[in-house]
Each structure stands twice: as structure tokens, then as C-alpha cells.
């Protein structure tokens, strides 16, 4: 292929267009992330200090129950694997 001056200019022009297309795509993302509109307001109920403490206690209790179930499941799986290993070795 012969490199003429017009062909070389066309190659440079296509390269510039590709770079501009990429840059505009990223600029659009930046514009979307800098949205300065009003933030949505949610209507959450106001909790008193006592209700907050009760809620925290319920959440802690639920987490403790879930952790206990996880530990129990781990121990059962470990025992089953240990027993299976013991029988296969004998």
C-alpha cells in the first residue's frame, strides 16, 4: 500500500475522532456523577432513645443467633467429615 499524504491525513483524522469519542463518553459519565439536583428525602419514623435501644438489642440478638447457627453448622460438617475420614481409613 502506498502512503499518500491524503491517506496519512485520513488516518490521523480517524484517530482523532476515536480519541474524541472516548473522551466524550467519559465526560458524560463525569457530568452524570456531578448531578446537583435535590436529593430525595425519605419519610423514616423518628425513634425515641428507648425504642432505639430496643431495636439495637433485637438486632444484636438476631446476629448472635445467626452466628450460633453458623458455628453449629460448621461443627456438624466437621464431625461428619471427620467420621467419614475415619471410616474410610479403617
PDB file of N, CA and C in Angstrom:
ATOM      1  N   UNK A   1       0.847  -1.161   0.000  1.00  0.00           N
ATOM      2  CA  UNK A   1       0.000   0.000   0.000  1.00  0.00           C
ATOM      3  C   UNK A   1       0.898   1.232   0.000  1.00  0.00           C
ATOM      4  N   UNK A   2       0.527   2.179  -0.785  1.00  0.00           N
ATOM      5  CA  UNK A   2       1.302   3.401  -0.863  1.00  0.00           C
ATOM      6  C   UNK A   2       0.722   4.422   0.107  1.00  0.00           C
ATOM      7  N   UNK A   3       1.604   5.020   0.868  1.00  0.00           N
ATOM      8  CA  UNK A   3       1.197   6.022   1.833  1.00  0.00           C
ATOM      9  C   UNK A   3       1.221   7.377   1.154  1.00  0.00           C
ATOM     10  N   UNK A   4       0.059   7.843   0.802  1.00  0.00           N
ATOM     11  CA  UNK A   4      -0.011   9.183   0.238  1.00  0.00           C
ATOM     12  C   UNK A   4      -0.332  10.153   1.350  1.00  0.00           C
ATOM     13  N   UNK A   5      -0.199  11.411   1.015  1.00  0.00           N
ATOM     14  CA  UNK A   5      -0.445  12.439   2.022  1.00  0.00           C
ATOM     15  C   UNK A   5      -1.912  12.441   2.444  1.00  0.00           C
ATOM     16  N   UNK A   6      -2.818  12.244   1.509  1.00  0.00           N
ATOM     17  CA  UNK A   6      -4.244  12.225   1.848  1.00  0.00           C
ATOM     18  C   UNK A   6      -4.596  11.015   2.716  1.00  0.00           C
ATOM     19  N   UNK A   7      -3.999   9.890   2.404  1.00  0.00           N
ATOM     20  CA  UNK A   7      -4.248   8.693   3.206  1.00  0.00           C
ATOM     21  C   UNK A   7      -3.741   8.911   4.636  1.00  0.00           C
ATOM     22  N   UNK A   8      -2.573   9.491   4.786  1.00  0.00           N
ATOM     23  CA  UNK A   8      -1.997   9.756   6.102  1.00  0.00           C
ATOM     24  C   UNK A   8      -2.882  10.725   6.877  1.00  0.00           C
ATOM     25  N   UNK A   9      -3.409  11.758   6.225  1.00  0.00           N
ATOM     26  CA  UNK A   9      -4.299  12.714   6.895  1.00  0.00           C
ATOM     27  C   UNK A   9      -5.593  12.025   7.333  1.00  0.00           C
ATOM     28  N   UNK A  10      -6.101  11.134   6.499  1.00  0.00           N
ATOM     29  CA  UNK A  10      -7.327  10.418   6.851  1.00  0.00           C
ATOM     30  C   UNK A  10      -7.111   9.519   8.063  1.00  0.00           C
ATOM     31  N   UNK A  11      -5.960   8.872   8.127  1.00  0.00           N
ATOM     32  CA  UNK A  11      -5.640   8.025   9.281  1.00  0.00           C
ATOM     33  C   UNK A  11      -5.572   8.869  10.544  1.00  0.00           C
ATOM     34  N   UNK A  12      -4.918  10.017  10.473  1.00  0.00           N
ATOM     35  CA  UNK A  12      -4.825  10.911  11.635  1.00  0.00           C
ATOM     36  C   UNK A  12      -6.209  11.415  12.039  1.00  0.00           C
ATOM     37  N   UNK A  13      -7.039  11.729  11.067  1.00  0.00           N
ATOM     38  CA  UNK A  13      -8.387  12.223  11.360  1.00  0.00           C
ATOM     39  C   UNK A  13      -9.218  11.154  12.065  1.00  0.00           C
ATOM     40  N   UNK A  14      -9.154   9.918  11.607  1.00  0.00           N
ATOM     41  CA  UNK A  14      -9.893   8.829  12.259  1.00  0.00           C
ATOM     42  C   UNK A  14      -9.395   8.593  13.677  1.00  0.00           C
ATOM     43  N   UNK A  15      -8.082   8.712  13.861  1.00  0.00           N
ATOM     44  CA  UNK A  15      -7.516   8.541  15.198  1.00  0.00           C
ATOM     45  C   UNK A  15      -8.016   9.639  16.127  1.00  0.00           C
ATOM     46  N   UNK A  16      -8.052  10.882  15.652  1.00  0.00           N
ATOM     47  CA  UNK A  16      -8.564  11.984  16.471  1.00  0.00           C
ATOM     48  C   UNK A  16     -10.038  11.781  16.803  1.00  0.00           C
ATOM     49  N   UNK A  17     -10.807  11.303  15.844  1.00  0.00           N
ATOM     50  CA  UNK A  17     -12.230  11.063  16.090  1.00  0.00           C
ATOM     51  C   UNK A  17     -12.439   9.975  17.142  1.00  0.00           C
ATOM     52  N   UNK A  18     -11.622   8.916  17.092  1.00  0.00           N
ATOM     53  CA  UNK A  18     -11.736   7.860  18.107  1.00  0.00           C
ATOM     54  C   UNK A  18     -11.396   8.399  19.489  1.00  0.00           C
ATOM     55  N   UNK A  19     -10.357   9.198  19.578  1.00  0.00           N
ATOM     56  CA  UNK A  19      -9.958   9.763  20.869  1.00  0.00           C
ATOM     57  C   UNK A  19     -11.045  10.690  21.396  1.00  0.00           C
ATOM     58  N   UNK A  20     -11.625  11.513  20.526  1.00  0.00           N
ATOM     59  CA  UNK A  20     -12.698  12.409  20.949  1.00  0.00           C
ATOM     60  C   UNK A  20     -13.926  11.624  21.403  1.00  0.00           C
ATOM     61  N   UNK A  21     -14.232  10.536  20.707  1.00  0.00           N
ATOM     62  CA  UNK A  21     -15.383   9.717  21.098  1.00  0.00           C
ATOM     63  C   UNK A  21     -15.176   9.124  22.487  1.00  0.00           C
ATOM     64  N   UNK A  22     -13.975   8.652  22.758  1.00  0.00           N
ATOM     65  CA  UNK A  22     -13.689   8.097  24.083  1.00  0.00           C
ATOM     66  C   UNK A  22     -13.764   9.189  25.139  1.00  0.00           C
ATOM     67  N   UNK A  23     -13.193  10.329  24.866  1.00  0.00           N
ATOM     68  CA  UNK A  23     -13.199  11.418  25.838  1.00  0.00           C
ATOM     69  C   UNK A  23     -14.606  11.923  26.109  1.00  0.00           C
ATOM     70  N   UNK A  24     -15.448  12.041  25.077  1.00  0.00           N
ATOM     71  CA  UNK A  24     -16.816  12.492  25.319  1.00  0.00           C
ATOM     72  C   UNK A  24     -17.594  11.469  26.126  1.00  0.00           C
ATOM     73  N   UNK A  25     -17.315  10.182  25.924  1.00  0.00           N
ATOM     74  CA  UNK A  25     -18.005   9.158  26.707  1.00  0.00           C
ATOM     75  C   UNK A  25     -17.653   9.309  28.181  1.00  0.00           C
ATOM     76  N   UNK A  26     -16.405   9.538  28.488  1.00  0.00           N
ATOM     77  CA  UNK A  26     -16.020   9.711  29.878  1.00  0.00           C
ATOM     78  C   UNK A  26     -16.501  11.043  30.431  1.00  0.00           C
ATOM     79  N   UNK A  27     -16.549  12.075  29.613  1.00  0.00           N
ATOM     80  CA  UNK A  27     -17.057  13.360  30.079  1.00  0.00           C
ATOM     81  C   UNK A  27     -18.531  13.249  30.448  1.00  0.00           C
ATOM     82  N   UNK A  28     -19.301  12.473  29.689  1.00  0.00           N
ATOM     83  CA  UNK A  28     -20.706  12.285  30.016  1.00  0.00           C
ATOM     84  C   UNK A  28     -20.846  11.621  31.377  1.00  0.00           C
ATOM     85  N   UNK A  29     -19.990  10.660  31.667  1.00  0.00           N
ATOM     86  CA  UNK A  29     -20.051   9.991  32.969  1.00  0.00           C
ATOM     87  C   UNK A  29     -19.728  10.966  34.084  1.00  0.00           C
ATOM     88  N   UNK A  30     -18.757  11.829  33.879  1.00  0.00           N
ATOM     89  CA  UNK A  30     -18.413  12.810  34.902  1.00  0.00           C
ATOM     90  C   UNK A  30     -19.580  13.756  35.139  1.00  0.00           C
ATOM     91  N   UNK A  31     -20.250  14.165  34.063  1.00  0.00           N
ATOM     92  CA  UNK A  31     -21.380  15.066  34.210  1.00  0.00           C
ATOM     93  C   UNK A  31     -22.505  14.404  34.995  1.00  0.00           C
ATOM     94  N   UNK A  32     -22.735  13.119  34.762  1.00  0.00           N
ATOM     95  CA  UNK A  32     -23.785  12.420  35.482  1.00  0.00           C
ATOM     96  C   UNK A  32     -23.449  12.267  36.956  1.00  0.00           C
ATOM     97  N   UNK A  33     -22.188  12.103  37.276  1.00  0.00           N
ATOM     98  CA  UNK A  33     -21.814  11.922  38.675  1.00  0.00           C
ATOM     99  C   UNK A  33     -21.829  13.237  39.440  1.00  0.00           C
ATOM    100  N   UNK A  34     -21.796  14.349  38.743  1.00  0.00           N
ATOM    101  CA  UNK A  34     -21.801  15.657  39.406  1.00  0.00           C
ATOM    102  C   UNK A  34     -23.194  16.267  39.397  1.00  0.00           C
ATOM    103  N   UNK A  35     -24.210  15.426  39.483  1.00  0.00           N
ATOM    104  CA  UNK A  35     -25.580  15.900  39.456  1.00  0.00           C
ATOM    105  C   UNK A  35     -25.842  16.728  40.711  1.00  0.00           C
ATOM    106  N   UNK A  36     -26.331  17.938  40.535  1.00  0.00           N
ATOM    107  CA  UNK A  36     -26.539  18.834  41.677  1.00  0.00           C
ATOM    108  C   UNK A  36     -28.014  19.014  41.980  1.00  0.00           C
ATOM    109  N   UNK A  37     -28.833  18.071  41.605  1.00  0.00           N
ATOM    110  CA  UNK A  37     -30.269  18.171  41.862  1.00  0.00           C
ATOM    111  C   UNK A  37     -30.582  17.914  43.322  1.00  0.00           C
ATOM    112  N   UNK A  38     -31.850  18.044  43.647  1.00  0.00           N
ATOM    113  CA  UNK A  38     -32.282  17.798  45.019  1.00  0.00           C
ATOM    114  C   UNK A  38     -32.179  16.322  45.348  1.00  0.00           C
ATOM    115  N   UNK A  39     -31.727  16.046  46.537  1.00  0.00           N
ATOM    116  CA  UNK A  39     -31.634  14.663  46.982  1.00  0.00           C
ATOM    117  C   UNK A  39     -33.007  14.215  47.469  1.00  0.00           C
ATOM    118  N   UNK A  40     -33.359  12.962  47.254  1.00  0.00           N
ATOM    119  CA  UNK A  40     -34.670  12.506  47.717  1.00  0.00           C
ATOM    120  C   UNK A  40     -34.698  12.429  49.230  1.00  0.00           C
ATOM    121  N   UNK A  41     -35.827  12.817  49.772  1.00  0.00           N
ATOM    122  CA  UNK A  41     -35.990  12.761  51.220  1.00  0.00           C
ATOM    123  C   UNK A  41     -36.906  11.588  51.549  1.00  0.00           C
ATOM    124  N   UNK A  42     -36.499  10.799  52.520  1.00  0.00           N
ATOM    125  CA  UNK A  42     -37.262   9.632  52.908  1.00  0.00           C
ATOM    126  C   UNK A  42     -38.026   9.930  54.185  1.00  0.00           C
ATOM    127  N   UNK A  43     -39.161   9.337  54.314  1.00  0.00           N
ATOM    128  CA  UNK A  43     -40.007   9.577  55.476  1.00  0.00           C
ATOM    129  C   UNK A  43     -39.812   8.443  56.473  1.00  0.00           C
ATOM    130  N   UNK A  44     -38.704   8.488  57.211  1.00  0.00           N
ATOM    131  CA  UNK A  44     -38.434   7.489  58.231  1.00  0.00           C
ATOM    132  C   UNK A  44     -39.073   7.928  59.540  1.00  0.00           C
ATOM    133  N   UNK A  45     -39.589   6.972  60.298  1.00  0.00           N
ATOM    134  CA  UNK A  45     -40.183   7.351  61.585  1.00  0.00           C
ATOM    135  C   UNK A  45     -39.088   7.750  62.581  1.00  0.00           C
ATOM    136  N   UNK A  46     -39.414   8.714  63.392  1.00  0.00           N
ATOM    137  CA  UNK A  46     -38.478   9.151  64.433  1.00  0.00           C
ATOM    138  C   UNK A  46     -38.599   8.198  65.618  1.00  0.00           C
ATOM    139  N   UNK A  47     -37.465   7.701  66.084  1.00  0.00           N
ATOM    140  CA  UNK A  47     -37.450   6.762  67.202  1.00  0.00           C
ATOM    141  C   UNK A  47     -36.942   7.469  68.441  1.00  0.00           C
ATOM    142  N   UNK A  48     -37.562   7.164  69.554  1.00  0.00           N
ATOM    143  CA  UNK A  48     -37.070   7.706  70.813  1.00  0.00           C
ATOM    144  C   UNK A  48     -35.835   6.909  71.246  1.00  0.00           C
ATOM    145  N   UNK A  49     -35.177   7.388  72.272  1.00  0.00           N
ATOM    146  CA  UNK A  49     -33.954   6.734  72.739  1.00  0.00           C
ATOM    147  C   UNK A  49     -34.233   5.307  73.212  1.00  0.00           C
ATOM    148  N   UNK A  50     -35.361   5.119  73.877  1.00  0.00           N
ATOM    149  CA  UNK A  50     -35.709   3.783  74.380  1.00  0.00           C
ATOM    150  C   UNK A  50     -35.997   2.835  73.220  1.00  0.00           C
ATOM    151  N   UNK A  51     -36.719   3.321  72.212  1.00  0.00           N
ATOM    152  CA  UNK A  51     -37.016   2.480  71.053  1.00  0.00           C
ATOM    153  C   UNK A  51     -35.745   2.131  70.292  1.00  0.00           C
ATOM    154  N   UNK A  52     -34.815   3.068  70.220  1.00  0.00           N
ATOM    155  CA  UNK A  52     -33.541   2.791  69.551  1.00  0.00           C
ATOM    156  C   UNK A  52     -32.776   1.699  70.289  1.00  0.00           C
ATOM    157  N   UNK A  53     -32.763   1.761  71.614  1.00  0.00           N
ATOM    158  CA  UNK A  53     -32.074   0.738  72.397  1.00  0.00           C
ATOM    159  C   UNK A  53     -32.713  -0.631  72.184  1.00  0.00           C
ATOM    160  N   UNK A  54     -34.045  -0.674  72.153  1.00  0.00           N
ATOM    161  CA  UNK A  54     -34.732  -1.952  71.932  1.00  0.00           C
ATOM    162  C   UNK A  54     -34.416  -2.505  70.540  1.00  0.00           C
ATOM    163  N   UNK A  55     -34.413  -1.622  69.561  1.00  0.00           N
ATOM    164  CA  UNK A  55     -34.101  -2.040  68.202  1.00  0.00           C
ATOM    165  C   UNK A  55     -32.677  -2.587  68.113  1.00  0.00           C
ATOM    166  N   UNK A  56     -31.729  -1.888  68.744  1.00  0.00           N
ATOM    167  CA  UNK A  56     -30.338  -2.359  68.750  1.00  0.00           C
ATOM    168  C   UNK A  56     -30.223  -3.702  69.451  1.00  0.00           C
ATOM    169  N   UNK A  57     -30.954  -3.875  70.539  1.00  0.00           N
ATOM    170  CA  UNK A  57     -30.904  -5.146  71.267  1.00  0.00           C
ATOM    171  C   UNK A  57     -31.461  -6.274  70.400  1.00  0.00           C
ATOM    172  N   UNK A  58     -32.569  -6.014  69.677  1.00  0.00           N
ATOM    173  CA  UNK A  58     -33.128  -7.037  68.801  1.00  0.00           C
ATOM    174  C   UNK A  58     -32.157  -7.400  67.682  1.00  0.00           C
ATOM    175  N   UNK A  59     -31.503  -6.401  67.136  1.00  0.00           N
ATOM    176  CA  UNK A  59     -30.542  -6.654  66.057  1.00  0.00           C
ATOM    177  C   UNK A  59     -29.362  -7.474  66.572  1.00  0.00           C
ATOM    178  N   UNK A  60     -28.850  -7.107  67.745  1.00  0.00           N
ATOM    179  CA  UNK A  60     -27.737  -7.864  68.334  1.00  0.00           C
ATOM    180  C   UNK A  60     -28.133  -9.310  68.601  1.00  0.00           C
ATOM    181  N   UNK A  61     -29.340  -9.510  69.110  1.00  0.00           N
ATOM    182  CA  UNK A  61     -29.809 -10.861  69.398  1.00  0.00           C
ATOM    183  C   UNK A  61     -29.927 -11.680  68.113  1.00  0.00           C
ATOM    184  N   UNK A  62     -30.441 -11.075  67.073  1.00  0.00           N
ATOM    185  CA  UNK A  62     -30.562 -11.766  65.793  1.00  0.00           C
ATOM    186  C   UNK A  62     -29.181 -12.135  65.239  1.00  0.00           C
ATOM    187  N   UNK A  63     -28.214 -11.237  65.358  1.00  0.00           N
ATOM    188  CA  UNK A  63     -26.851 -11.519  64.889  1.00  0.00           C
ATOM    189  C   UNK A  63     -26.243 -12.664  65.696  1.00  0.00           C
ATOM    190  N   UNK A  64     -26.454 -12.655  67.011  1.00  0.00           N
ATOM    191  CA  UNK A  64     -25.920 -13.725  67.844  1.00  0.00           C
ATOM    192  C   UNK A  64     -26.539 -15.073  67.473  1.00  0.00           C
ATOM    193  N   UNK A  65     -27.846 -15.090  67.197  1.00  0.00           N
ATOM    194  CA  UNK A  65     -28.495 -16.340  66.793  1.00  0.00           C
ATOM    195  C   UNK A  65     -27.939 -16.835  65.464  1.00  0.00           C
ATOM    196  N   UNK A  66     -27.748 -15.912  64.529  1.00  0.00           N
ATOM    197  CA  UNK A  66     -27.206 -16.302  63.228  1.00  0.00           C
ATOM    198  C   UNK A  66     -25.782 -16.836  63.364  1.00  0.00           C
ATOM    199  N   UNK A  67     -24.982 -16.197  64.200  1.00  0.00           N
ATOM    200  CA  UNK A  67     -23.609 -16.671  64.424  1.00  0.00           C
ATOM    201  C   UNK A  67     -23.611 -18.058  65.068  1.00  0.00           C
ATOM    202  N   UNK A  68     -24.508 -18.271  66.016  1.00  0.00           N
ATOM    203  CA  UNK A  68     -24.592 -19.585  66.668  1.00  0.00           C
ATOM    204  C   UNK A  68     -24.969 -20.663  65.657  1.00  0.00           C
ATOM    205  N   UNK A  69     -25.922 -20.341  64.776  1.00  0.00           N
ATOM    206  CA  UNK A  69     -26.316 -21.307  63.743  1.00  0.00           C
ATOM    207  C   UNK A  69     -25.146 -21.607  62.812  1.00  0.00           C
ATOM    208  N   UNK A  70     -24.376 -20.596  62.469  1.00  0.00           N
ATOM    209  CA  UNK A  70     -23.212 -20.808  61.607  1.00  0.00           C
ATOM    210  C   UNK A  70     -22.179 -21.708  62.281  1.00  0.00           C
ATOM    211  N   UNK A  71     -21.898 -21.445  63.563  1.00  0.00           N
ATOM    212  CA  UNK A  71     -20.927 -22.273  64.293  1.00  0.00           C
ATOM    213  C   UNK A  71     -21.419 -23.714  64.414  1.00  0.00           C
ATOM    214  N   UNK A  72     -22.696 -23.866  64.697  1.00  0.00           N
ATOM    215  CA  UNK A  72     -23.265 -25.208  64.834  1.00  0.00           C
ATOM    216  C   UNK A  72     -23.178 -25.958  63.507  1.00  0.00           C
ATOM    217  N   UNK A  73     -23.481 -25.301  62.426  1.00  0.00           N
ATOM    218  CA  UNK A  73     -23.380 -25.922  61.109  1.00  0.00           C
ATOM    219  C   UNK A  73     -21.932 -26.309  60.802  1.00  0.00           C
ATOM    220  N   UNK A  74     -20.997 -25.434  61.135  1.00  0.00           N
ATOM    221  CA  UNK A  74     -19.574 -25.731  60.922  1.00  0.00           C
ATOM    222  C   UNK A  74     -19.147 -26.963  61.723  1.00  0.00           C
ATOM    223  N   UNK A  75     -19.574 -27.053  62.966  1.00  0.00           N
ATOM    224  CA  UNK A  75     -19.196 -28.180  63.817  1.00  0.00           C
ATOM    225  C   UNK A  75     -19.800 -29.478  63.270  1.00  0.00           C
ATOM    226  N   UNK A  76     -21.048 -29.433  62.836  1.00  0.00           N
ATOM    227  CA  UNK A  76     -21.689 -30.634  62.285  1.00  0.00           C
ATOM    228  C   UNK A  76     -20.973 -31.094  61.021  1.00  0.00           C
ATOM    229  N   UNK A  77     -20.657 -30.179  60.145  1.00  0.00           N
ATOM    230  CA  UNK A  77     -19.939 -30.537  58.912  1.00  0.00           C
ATOM    231  C   UNK A  77     -18.564 -31.112  59.246  1.00  0.00           C
ATOM    232  N   UNK A  78     -17.879 -30.512  60.198  1.00  0.00           N
ATOM    233  CA  UNK A  78     -16.561 -31.005  60.607  1.00  0.00           C
ATOM    234  C   UNK A  78     -16.665 -32.425  61.158  1.00  0.00           C
ATOM    235  N   UNK A  79     -17.667 -32.680  62.005  1.00  0.00           N
ATOM    236  CA  UNK A  79     -17.827 -34.015  62.577  1.00  0.00           C
ATOM    237  C   UNK A  79     -18.160 -35.047  61.500  1.00  0.00           C
ATOM    238  N   UNK A  80     -19.018 -34.693  60.576  1.00  0.00           N
ATOM    239  CA  UNK A  80     -19.377 -35.624  59.509  1.00  0.00           C
ATOM    240  C   UNK A  80     -18.141 -35.947  58.670  1.00  0.00           C
ATOM    241  N   UNK A  81     -17.375 -34.953  58.318  1.00  0.00           N
ATOM    242  CA  UNK A  81     -16.159 -35.198  57.542  1.00  0.00           C
ATOM    243  C   UNK A  81     -15.143 -36.023  58.321  1.00  0.00           C
ATOM    244  N   UNK A  82     -15.018 -35.740  59.622  1.00  0.00           N
ATOM    245  CA  UNK A  82     -14.085 -36.489  60.461  1.00  0.00           C
ATOM    246  C   UNK A  82     -14.499 -37.953  60.545  1.00  0.00           C
ATOM    247  N   UNK A  83     -15.798 -38.203  60.748  1.00  0.00           N
ATOM    248  CA  UNK A  83     -16.286 -39.578  60.849  1.00  0.00           C
ATOM    249  C   UNK A  83     -16.118 -40.299  59.512  1.00  0.00           C
ATOM    250  N   UNK A  84     -16.434 -39.614  58.416  1.00  0.00           N
ATOM    251  CA  UNK A  84     -16.268 -40.229  57.091  1.00  0.00           C
ATOM    252  C   UNK A  84     -14.799 -40.544  56.837  1.00  0.00           C
ATOM    253  N   UNK A  85     -13.900 -39.670  57.195  1.00  0.00           N
ATOM    254  CA  UNK A  85     -12.466 -39.898  57.028  1.00  0.00           C
ATOM    255  C   UNK A  85     -12.013 -41.080  57.874  1.00  0.00           C
ATOM    256  N   UNK A  86     -12.522 -41.167  59.096  1.00  0.00           N
ATOM    257  CA  UNK A  86     -12.158 -42.258  59.991  1.00  0.00           C
ATOM    258  C   UNK A  86     -12.596 -43.605  59.432  1.00  0.00           C
ATOM    259  N   UNK A  87     -13.825 -43.688  58.895  1.00  0.00           N
ATOM    260  CA  UNK A  87     -14.308 -44.951  58.342  1.00  0.00           C
ATOM    261  C   UNK A  87     -13.584 -45.334  57.071  1.00  0.00           C
ATOM    262  N   UNK A  88     -13.224 -44.388  56.241  1.00  0.00           N
ATOM    263  CA  UNK A  88     -12.523 -44.710  55.004  1.00  0.00           C
ATOM    264  C   UNK A  88     -11.077 -45.131  55.256  1.00  0.00           C
ATOM    265  N   UNK A  89     -10.490 -44.704  56.346  1.00  0.00           N
ATOM    266  CA  UNK A  89      -9.117 -45.070  56.649  1.00  0.00           C
ATOM    267  C   UNK A  89      -9.036 -46.451  57.287  1.00  0.00           C
ATOM    268  N   UNK A  90     -10.099 -46.900  57.894  1.00  0.00           N
ATOM    269  CA  UNK A  90     -10.068 -48.228  58.541  1.00  0.00           C
ATOM    270  C   UNK A  90     -10.566 -49.277  57.641  1.00  0.00           C
TER     271      UNK A  90
END
